[in-house]
Structures are given as structure tokens and as C-alpha cells.
Amino acid sequence: MKLVFAGTPAVALPTLDLLARHHEVAAAVTREDSPQGRKRVLTPSPVAVRAEELGIRTIRANRLDDDVTSQLAELQPDLGVIVAYGGLVRSPLLETPRLGWINLHFSLLPRWRGAAPVQWSIMGGDADGGATVFQLVPALDAGPIFDSIARPIGAHETSGHLLEALSHDGAELTLKVVDALAAGTALSVEQQGEATLAPKITLEHARIDWTADLDTVFRRIRATTPEPGAFTIVDGLRVKILEAAPTYDSAPLRPGELSGDGSRALIGTATSPLELLQVQPAGKKPMRAADWWRGLATGRPHSADPLASDRFDTP
């Protein structure tokens, strides 16, 4: 079957690779090259790099406009497949492929429709994450479902780990649906249940609110790791929290209060303290949190700035 593919980040690569091995991918649409790193070097997206390695025609566009629609229409594709492209598919592009478009989405729809389903599934305390392949329609992530797969969320799993696993599981799921569509045996069902929203995660979501309970704090750190990166403010400076673990046997600390015993660095929440394992102070390299704690000026108490708990309500 002749496919066109739309995707941008690395999580789209397993699907692109698998589809290219089993079907004809006539073109890959991806976002334009963007500045990356401290030196802001103009860099192609992971999908652009992989598509060119595979010899697939690459269309760079930040909007799926009339020009993109015209280029794809010339190819007369049977099906469009989209995985984390970062933009909306609207008419007439939506109807350009003979079978329309399918979307690999990293949640169990209708839960967590939107840009950041994996992060919100962890922040929401879900027992399971998942991936869903559905028919793209004009409404946000609302089309009928062809297939889905569930996966338990580990107690210490970050969004980076979960998304990596789902990108591979989801690639297999997508190929299964594409094969069924090619054979004319694919069936879809309308979404059922209450829809929840997963808006884009911003830097403000990653600032930790120490007035929340331990479990809520730990989920937020895991959800915002590695991007945009959980952080707090200590003595007026930003400190990234790269790794942490809950404690349930330590003496209580005030929200944001820092303490340590030479081998551990602890910080208070509304309930039990959180143990900081690895941090990255502003302008420095990642380090063991206990070493960072010992390096702070002694002779006075230190604390992280607490944050009003109503600022980041789950949607």
C-alpha cells in the first residue's frame, strides 16, 4: 500500500522504520529544521534525518497547508499515517489519501487527548499507559479506534522511559492496522468513556510544588523527566531534579525544607520527604544530590521555594 507519513521527533522513528520495511512510503512530512543546543545550531528533525537515510522524499513544513496538500495529492496515496508531527491535519488534506489518515496516539483514548498524553498519564496517577491507533477526524483525537494496547506504568518510570517503550509497541500496533486496512479487514469502533485533555507541557509545569503530598510531587518529577526537566529554586538559583525517590521512614520536613546526613539529601513535602538522588545546579554538570547538599554553604538553613498548589491543576 502506498503511504504518506507525518512525524517529527524520535518517537516517530520506530513506526516509520517498520512501515518502510513492509509498505511503500512515498513521502515523509516533518517540521522544518530548528535551532538546537546552546549554540542554536539549525538541525533537521529526527524524522527528516531518517527519511533521507531511507531514500524517502522529505517535505519540511511547519503547517500542513495548501502547498503540502498539493504535493501529497500528486502522489495519490492510499493512506496517511501520522505520529507526533506537531500540527493539525485539516481538510482538504484530511481527505487526500484514499483511506484518509490514521494517527498513533500514546494514550488509551479517550483518556488524555492532546499534545502530552504520556506526561499527563503519569501526573494523573494512572495505573496503565497505552497507545491507540484511530481514524483522524477534524475534532481533536476524537476519531473511531482501530486498535489499542495497554502497558503498566512502573512506580519509578519517567515519561521518557514510558514514551520510548510505547513508541516501539505503537509501531507494531500501527503496522497491524495498516496491514488490515490494506487487506480490507480493518474494523473501527467509536470512542467510549469520558474524555480528558493533555495540553502541552510547559516549563512552568516542571517547577515543583513542595506544598503537595509526596506521591503527587514524585509523579510530577517523573512526568517532566527528561523534558522539560523538573526543577526547583534554591537560594535564588534553579536546580534541576534529574532523579529522586520517595521516602516513608524519614522525619517530616517543612515543604521545601532541605536536610541531609552526609549520604542523603532530603527535601520536605506536605507529607513525607523526598530523597534527591541526582541534580544539576544552574551552570553546572549533573551531580549526586548528596555532594551538592554538602557543597551548600553551612551555618544556615536552606530551602526550596514552595509554590502555590493551585497553579497546576490537572485538566
Protein backbone atom coordinates (compact mmCIF):
# COMPACT_ATOMS: atom_id res chain seq x y z
CA MET A 1 0.00 0.00 0.00
CA LYS A 2 1.26 3.50 -0.82
CA LEU A 3 1.60 5.59 2.32
CA VAL A 4 2.48 9.15 3.25
CA PHE A 5 3.90 9.70 6.73
CA ALA A 6 3.89 12.74 9.01
CA GLY A 7 6.03 12.91 12.14
CA THR A 8 8.84 14.88 13.76
CA PRO A 9 10.53 13.57 16.95
CA ALA A 10 12.46 10.39 17.64
CA VAL A 11 9.38 8.59 18.99
CA ALA A 12 8.02 8.53 15.43
CA LEU A 13 11.04 6.63 14.08
CA PRO A 14 10.05 3.06 15.05
CA THR A 15 6.78 3.45 13.13
CA LEU A 16 8.46 4.99 10.09
CA ASP A 17 11.11 2.25 10.04
CA LEU A 18 8.56 -0.56 10.31
CA LEU A 19 6.19 0.86 7.70
CA ALA A 20 9.06 1.43 5.26
CA ARG A 21 10.01 -2.25 5.53
CA HIS A 22 6.51 -3.51 4.74
CA HIS A 23 4.86 -0.84 2.57
CA GLU A 24 5.76 1.93 0.15
CA VAL A 25 6.27 5.21 1.99
CA ALA A 26 6.08 7.76 -0.80
CA ALA A 27 6.82 10.83 1.31
CA ALA A 28 7.51 11.92 4.87
CA VAL A 29 6.28 15.28 6.12
CA THR A 30 8.13 16.74 9.09
CA ARG A 31 8.68 20.07 10.79
CA GLU A 32 11.28 22.48 9.45
CA ASP A 33 14.86 22.45 10.75
CA SER A 34 15.05 24.22 14.11
CA PRO A 35 17.79 25.72 16.34
CA GLN A 36 19.07 23.19 18.89
CA GLY A 37 21.52 23.29 21.79
CA ARG A 38 23.25 26.19 23.45
CA LYS A 39 24.75 27.33 20.16
CA ARG A 40 21.30 27.17 18.49
CA VAL A 41 22.58 25.18 15.53
CA LEU A 42 19.94 24.69 12.82
CA THR A 43 19.16 20.96 12.99
CA PRO A 44 16.86 18.69 10.99
CA SER A 45 14.23 16.69 12.86
CA PRO A 46 14.87 13.00 13.62
CA VAL A 47 12.21 12.05 11.06
CA ALA A 48 13.88 14.21 8.38
CA VAL A 49 17.21 12.51 9.01
CA ARG A 50 15.76 9.00 8.96
CA ALA A 51 13.58 9.60 5.89
CA GLU A 52 16.58 10.79 3.92
CA GLU A 53 18.59 7.76 5.08
CA LEU A 54 15.78 5.55 3.79
CA GLY A 55 15.61 7.42 0.49
CA ILE A 56 12.11 8.71 1.19
CA ARG A 57 11.06 12.06 -0.24
CA THR A 58 11.04 14.57 2.61
CA ILE A 59 8.74 17.58 2.87
CA ARG A 60 9.68 20.09 5.58
CA ALA A 61 6.73 22.22 6.69
CA ASN A 62 5.52 23.68 9.98
CA ARG A 63 1.96 23.83 8.67
CA LEU A 64 0.11 21.31 6.56
CA ASP A 65 -1.06 23.97 4.13
CA ASP A 66 -2.24 24.02 0.52
CA ASP A 67 1.29 23.52 -0.80
CA VAL A 68 1.80 20.35 1.28
CA THR A 69 -1.65 19.14 0.27
CA SER A 70 -0.83 19.65 -3.40
CA GLN A 71 2.49 17.79 -3.11
CA LEU A 72 0.89 14.83 -1.37
CA ALA A 73 -2.10 14.73 -3.71
CA GLU A 74 0.27 14.28 -6.67
CA LEU A 75 1.45 11.03 -5.09
CA GLN A 76 -2.08 9.59 -4.96
CA PRO A 77 -1.51 7.85 -1.61
CA ASP A 78 -3.77 5.14 -0.25
CA LEU A 79 -3.31 6.15 3.39
CA GLY A 80 -1.74 8.80 5.58
CA VAL A 81 -0.08 7.87 8.88
CA ILE A 82 0.75 10.50 11.50
CA VAL A 83 2.85 10.09 14.65
CA ALA A 84 3.69 13.16 16.72
CA TYR A 85 4.01 15.54 13.79
CA GLY A 86 3.20 18.61 15.88
CA GLY A 87 0.44 20.14 13.75
CA LEU A 88 -3.15 19.58 12.70
CA VAL A 89 -4.35 17.82 9.57
CA ARG A 90 -7.33 19.71 8.15
CA SER A 91 -9.48 19.46 5.03
CA PRO A 92 -8.77 19.04 2.18
CA LEU A 93 -5.57 17.21 3.22
CA LEU A 94 -7.62 15.07 5.59
CA GLU A 95 -9.43 13.54 2.61
CA THR A 96 -6.46 13.43 0.21
CA PRO A 97 -5.39 9.81 0.81
CA ARG A 98 -7.91 7.26 -0.46
CA LEU A 99 -8.41 5.84 3.07
CA GLY A 100 -7.83 9.09 4.94
CA TRP A 101 -5.34 9.31 7.82
CA ILE A 102 -4.68 7.19 10.87
CA ASN A 103 -2.96 8.51 13.99
CA LEU A 104 -0.79 6.69 16.53
CA HIS A 105 -1.52 8.38 19.86
CA PHE A 106 0.28 7.50 23.09
CA SER A 107 -2.67 7.03 25.44
CA LEU A 108 -5.75 4.88 25.88
CA LEU A 109 -8.26 7.15 24.21
CA PRO A 110 -10.47 8.92 25.04
CA ARG A 111 -8.27 9.48 28.09
CA TRP A 112 -5.62 12.14 27.54
CA ARG A 113 -6.45 13.69 24.21
CA GLY A 114 -3.87 16.29 23.26
CA ALA A 115 -0.17 17.03 22.94
CA ALA A 116 1.28 15.39 26.08
CA PRO A 117 -0.64 12.19 26.90
CA VAL A 118 2.27 10.31 28.46
CA GLN A 119 3.20 13.12 30.84
CA TRP A 120 -0.39 13.62 31.98
CA SER A 121 -0.99 9.89 32.42
CA ILE A 122 1.91 9.81 34.91
CA MET A 123 0.88 13.04 36.63
CA GLY A 124 -2.68 11.75 36.83
CA GLY A 125 -1.56 8.63 38.67
CA ASP A 126 -2.84 6.21 36.02
CA ALA A 127 -2.03 2.55 36.58
CA ASP A 128 -1.70 1.95 32.83
CA GLY A 129 -0.50 3.90 29.84
CA GLY A 130 -1.01 2.82 26.29
CA ALA A 131 -1.14 3.51 22.59
CA THR A 132 -4.14 3.88 20.29
CA VAL A 133 -4.43 3.88 16.51
CA PHE A 134 -7.51 5.75 15.35
CA GLN A 135 -9.02 7.35 12.26
CA LEU A 136 -8.15 11.02 12.10
CA VAL A 137 -11.14 13.39 12.12
CA PRO A 138 -11.35 17.19 12.43
CA ALA A 139 -12.03 17.06 16.20
CA LEU A 140 -9.01 16.63 18.50
CA ASP A 141 -8.08 12.92 18.87
CA ALA A 142 -11.76 12.00 18.64
CA GLY A 143 -11.93 9.56 15.72
CA PRO A 144 -13.01 5.92 15.85
CA ILE A 145 -10.45 3.44 17.19
CA PHE A 146 -8.94 0.63 15.13
CA ASP A 147 -6.83 -0.89 17.90
CA SER A 148 -5.09 -0.11 21.18
CA ILE A 149 -2.59 -1.63 23.57
CA ALA A 150 -2.16 -1.08 27.32
CA ARG A 151 1.05 -1.13 29.34
CA PRO A 152 1.51 -0.81 33.13
CA ILE A 153 3.24 2.36 34.31
CA GLY A 154 6.15 1.49 36.59
CA ALA A 155 6.24 3.06 40.05
CA HIS A 156 9.52 4.85 39.22
CA GLU A 157 9.05 5.16 35.43
CA THR A 158 9.62 8.54 33.82
CA SER A 159 7.78 9.90 30.80
CA GLY A 160 10.95 9.40 28.76
CA HIS A 161 11.09 5.69 29.59
CA LEU A 162 7.37 5.16 29.04
CA LEU A 163 7.30 7.04 25.74
CA GLU A 164 10.29 5.07 24.43
CA ALA A 165 8.56 1.78 25.22
CA LEU A 166 5.26 2.90 23.73
CA SER A 167 6.97 4.11 20.55
CA HIS A 168 8.00 0.52 19.80
CA ASP A 169 4.76 -1.11 20.93
CA GLY A 170 2.85 1.52 18.98
CA ALA A 171 4.85 0.88 15.81
CA GLU A 172 3.82 -2.78 15.84
CA LEU A 173 0.23 -1.75 16.51
CA THR A 174 0.27 0.72 13.62
CA LEU A 175 1.65 -1.84 11.19
CA LYS A 176 -1.07 -4.28 12.26
CA VAL A 177 -3.75 -1.68 11.46
CA VAL A 178 -2.15 -0.68 8.14
CA ASP A 179 -1.98 -4.34 7.10
CA ALA A 180 -5.65 -4.77 7.98
CA LEU A 181 -6.61 -1.67 6.01
CA ALA A 182 -4.63 -2.96 3.04
CA ALA A 183 -6.47 -6.30 3.26
CA GLY A 184 -9.86 -4.63 3.68
CA THR A 185 -10.45 -6.32 7.04
CA ALA A 186 -9.93 -3.36 9.41
CA LEU A 187 -12.78 -2.51 11.78
CA SER A 188 -13.11 0.56 13.97
CA VAL A 189 -15.33 1.47 16.90
CA GLU A 190 -16.34 4.86 18.25
CA GLN A 191 -14.57 6.07 21.37
CA GLN A 192 -16.43 5.43 24.59
CA GLY A 193 -15.97 6.87 28.06
CA GLU A 194 -15.09 10.26 29.49
CA ALA A 195 -12.52 12.27 27.55
CA THR A 196 -9.72 14.01 29.41
CA LEU A 197 -7.29 16.55 28.00
CA ALA A 198 -3.49 16.53 27.90
CA PRO A 199 -2.33 20.02 26.93
CA LYS A 200 1.26 20.79 26.03
CA ILE A 201 3.70 20.63 28.95
CA THR A 202 5.49 23.92 29.62
CA LEU A 203 8.43 24.86 31.78
CA GLU A 204 6.04 26.08 34.46
CA HIS A 205 4.57 22.59 34.76
CA ALA A 206 8.07 21.35 35.61
CA ARG A 207 8.54 23.65 38.62
CA ILE A 208 7.86 21.51 41.67
CA ASP A 209 5.25 22.49 44.23
CA TRP A 210 6.59 21.29 47.58
CA THR A 211 3.29 22.02 49.34
CA ALA A 212 1.80 18.99 47.56
CA ASP A 213 1.97 15.49 49.06
CA LEU A 214 4.93 13.20 48.36
CA ASP A 215 3.21 10.99 45.79
CA THR A 216 1.99 14.00 43.78
CA VAL A 217 5.46 15.57 43.84
CA PHE A 218 7.15 12.35 42.75
CA ARG A 219 4.68 11.84 39.89
CA ARG A 220 5.32 15.37 38.61
CA ILE A 221 9.07 14.86 38.65
CA ARG A 222 8.73 11.60 36.73
CA ALA A 223 6.26 13.15 34.29
CA THR A 224 8.53 16.06 33.40
CA THR A 225 11.69 13.95 33.05
CA PRO A 226 13.56 14.33 30.75
CA GLU A 227 11.60 17.18 29.15
CA PRO A 228 11.25 19.96 30.06
CA GLY A 229 13.07 18.81 33.21
CA ALA A 230 11.76 19.06 36.79
CA PHE A 231 13.30 21.88 38.80
CA THR A 232 13.11 23.96 41.93
CA ILE A 233 14.61 27.25 43.11
CA VAL A 234 17.17 27.11 45.94
CA ASP A 235 18.78 30.29 47.24
CA GLY A 236 17.51 32.09 44.15
CA LEU A 237 19.10 29.62 41.70
CA ARG A 238 17.41 26.96 39.57
CA VAL A 239 18.27 23.35 40.39
CA LYS A 240 17.15 20.57 38.05
CA ILE A 241 15.99 17.36 39.69
CA LEU A 242 17.28 14.58 37.47
CA GLU A 243 16.49 11.64 39.75
CA ALA A 244 14.66 11.25 43.04
CA ALA A 245 12.94 8.63 45.19
CA PRO A 246 10.16 8.74 47.77
CA THR A 247 10.92 8.07 51.43
CA TYR A 248 8.41 6.96 54.02
CA ASP A 249 10.70 6.41 57.03
CA SER A 250 12.33 9.84 57.40
CA ALA A 251 11.43 12.57 59.88
CA PRO A 252 9.00 15.11 58.41
CA LEU A 253 10.34 18.35 56.95
CA ARG A 254 8.51 21.55 56.14
CA PRO A 255 7.53 21.85 52.44
CA GLY A 256 10.70 22.82 50.56
CA GLU A 257 12.98 22.40 53.59
CA LEU A 258 16.32 20.79 52.73
CA SER A 259 18.15 18.42 55.03
CA GLY A 260 20.89 15.83 54.78
CA ASP A 261 23.02 13.44 56.76
CA GLY A 262 26.16 13.33 54.61
CA SER A 263 24.98 10.45 52.45
CA ARG A 264 21.47 11.62 51.56
CA ALA A 265 19.80 14.86 50.52
CA LEU A 266 16.16 15.20 51.55
CA ILE A 267 13.53 17.82 50.80
CA GLY A 268 10.20 18.27 52.51
CA THR A 269 6.74 17.89 51.02
CA ALA A 270 3.30 18.15 52.60
CA THR A 271 3.73 14.56 53.83
CA SER A 272 6.98 12.54 53.82
CA PRO A 273 10.27 13.93 52.48
CA LEU A 274 11.59 13.19 49.00
CA GLU A 275 15.16 11.95 48.59
CA LEU A 276 17.08 13.77 45.86
CA LEU A 277 19.46 11.40 44.07
CA GLN A 278 20.87 13.41 41.18
CA VAL A 279 20.60 17.14 40.50
CA GLN A 280 22.01 19.75 38.16
CA PRO A 281 22.51 23.23 39.63
CA ALA A 282 22.36 26.13 37.19
CA GLY A 283 25.55 26.38 35.14
CA LYS A 284 26.97 23.10 36.43
CA LYS A 285 27.09 19.47 35.35
CA PRO A 286 24.82 16.79 36.80
CA MET A 287 25.99 15.55 40.21
CA ARG A 288 24.99 13.36 43.11
CA ALA A 289 22.50 15.23 45.22
CA ALA A 290 24.35 14.36 48.44
CA ASP A 291 27.51 16.00 47.04
CA TRP A 292 25.52 19.08 46.05
CA TRP A 293 24.00 19.26 49.53
CA ARG A 294 27.41 19.06 51.20
CA GLY A 295 28.63 21.85 48.94
CA LEU A 296 25.95 24.31 50.04
CA ALA A 297 27.02 26.99 52.49
CA THR A 298 26.71 25.73 56.08
CA GLY A 299 25.62 27.54 59.17
CA ARG A 300 22.13 28.45 58.00
CA PRO A 301 19.06 26.54 56.86
CA HIS A 302 18.32 26.08 53.17
CA SER A 303 15.01 25.53 51.48
CA ALA A 304 13.48 25.39 48.04
CA ASP A 305 10.89 27.99 47.20
CA PRO A 306 7.46 26.44 47.74
CA LEU A 307 4.85 27.02 45.07
CA ALA A 308 1.11 27.64 45.44
CA SER A 309 -0.53 24.25 44.96
CA ASP A 310 -3.45 25.53 42.87
CA ARG A 311 -1.29 26.74 39.97
CA PHE A 312 -1.03 23.45 38.11
CA ASP A 313 -4.35 21.68 38.44
CA THR A 314 -4.71 18.57 36.30
CA PRO A 315 -7.14 19.42 33.48
